[in-house]
Amino acid sequence: FTLAFASLKQVLTKEVARGVFGFATWWSCFAWFASSSLGLIYQSYFSHS
């Protein structure tokens, strides 16, 4: 376990962690916006019928 943790620490540098967290942040914001938009479109489309 300690060997795996040490090798993981070598791979997860500060730049990699910043890139991963930035990508995760933007992806979750985009997914939230897209699902909210689709939900509003769905609701407004089916509320008229």
C-alpha atoms as a PDB file:
ATOM      1  CA  PHE A   1       0.000   0.000   0.000  1.00  0.00           C
ATOM      2  CA  THR A   2       2.808   2.434   0.836  1.00  0.00           C
ATOM      3  CA  LEU A   3       4.512   1.668  -2.492  1.00  0.00           C
ATOM      4  CA  ALA A   4       1.307   2.409  -4.380  1.00  0.00           C
ATOM      5  CA  PHE A   5       0.851   5.610  -2.384  1.00  0.00           C
ATOM      6  CA  ALA A   6       4.396   6.738  -3.154  1.00  0.00           C
ATOM      7  CA  SER A   7       4.011   6.088  -6.886  1.00  0.00           C
ATOM      8  CA  LEU A   8       0.655   7.874  -6.850  1.00  0.00           C
ATOM      9  CA  LYS A   9       2.320  10.841  -5.175  1.00  0.00           C
ATOM     10  CA  GLN A  10       4.899  10.947  -7.980  1.00  0.00           C
ATOM     11  CA  VAL A  11       2.189  11.039 -10.647  1.00  0.00           C
ATOM     12  CA  LEU A  12      -0.125  13.482  -8.855  1.00  0.00           C
ATOM     13  CA  THR A  13       1.962  16.622  -8.991  1.00  0.00           C
ATOM     14  CA  LYS A  14       0.514  20.040  -8.249  1.00  0.00           C
ATOM     15  CA  GLU A  15       0.022  20.820 -11.936  1.00  0.00           C
ATOM     16  CA  VAL A  16      -1.769  17.537 -12.612  1.00  0.00           C
ATOM     17  CA  ALA A  17      -4.026  17.984  -9.582  1.00  0.00           C
ATOM     18  CA  ARG A  18      -4.833  21.553 -10.628  1.00  0.00           C
ATOM     19  CA  GLY A  19      -5.679  20.392 -14.140  1.00  0.00           C
ATOM     20  CA  VAL A  20      -7.862  17.540 -12.935  1.00  0.00           C
ATOM     21  CA  PHE A  21      -9.744  19.698 -10.439  1.00  0.00           C
ATOM     22  CA  GLY A  22     -10.182  22.465 -12.983  1.00  0.00           C
ATOM     23  CA  PHE A  23     -11.528  20.025 -15.548  1.00  0.00           C
ATOM     24  CA  ALA A  24     -13.872  18.476 -12.973  1.00  0.00           C
ATOM     25  CA  THR A  25     -15.142  21.914 -11.949  1.00  0.00           C
ATOM     26  CA  TRP A  26     -15.847  23.053 -15.501  1.00  0.00           C
ATOM     27  CA  TRP A  27     -17.373  19.702 -16.441  1.00  0.00           C
ATOM     28  CA  SER A  28     -19.741  19.701 -13.471  1.00  0.00           C
ATOM     29  CA  CYS A  29     -20.761  23.313 -14.176  1.00  0.00           C
ATOM     30  CA  PHE A  30     -21.410  22.445 -17.822  1.00  0.00           C
ATOM     31  CA  ALA A  31     -23.357  19.299 -16.908  1.00  0.00           C
ATOM     32  CA  TRP A  32     -25.486  21.234 -14.387  1.00  0.00           C
ATOM     33  CA  PHE A  33     -26.202  23.991 -16.920  1.00  0.00           C
ATOM     34  CA  ALA A  34     -27.003  21.525 -19.708  1.00  0.00           C
ATOM     35  CA  SER A  35     -29.339  19.411 -17.568  1.00  0.00           C
ATOM     36  CA  SER A  36     -31.094  22.514 -16.224  1.00  0.00           C
ATOM     37  CA  SER A  37     -31.562  23.863 -19.744  1.00  0.00           C
ATOM     38  CA  LEU A  38     -32.882  20.561 -21.036  1.00  0.00           C
ATOM     39  CA  GLY A  39     -35.226  20.297 -18.058  1.00  0.00           C
ATOM     40  CA  LEU A  40     -36.601  23.788 -18.668  1.00  0.00           C
ATOM     41  CA  ILE A  41     -37.071  23.071 -22.374  1.00  0.00           C
ATOM     42  CA  TYR A  42     -38.767  19.764 -21.562  1.00  0.00           C
ATOM     43  CA  GLN A  43     -41.062  21.380 -19.008  1.00  0.00           C
ATOM     44  CA  SER A  44     -42.046  24.302 -21.214  1.00  0.00           C
ATOM     45  CA  TYR A  45     -42.631  22.002 -24.190  1.00  0.00           C
ATOM     46  CA  PHE A  46     -44.909  19.584 -22.339  1.00  0.00           C
ATOM     47  CA  SER A  47     -46.748  22.120 -20.180  1.00  0.00           C
ATOM     48  CA  HIS A  48     -48.615  23.501 -23.223  1.00  0.00           C
ATOM     49  CA  SER A  49     -50.187  20.165 -24.153  1.00  0.00           C
END
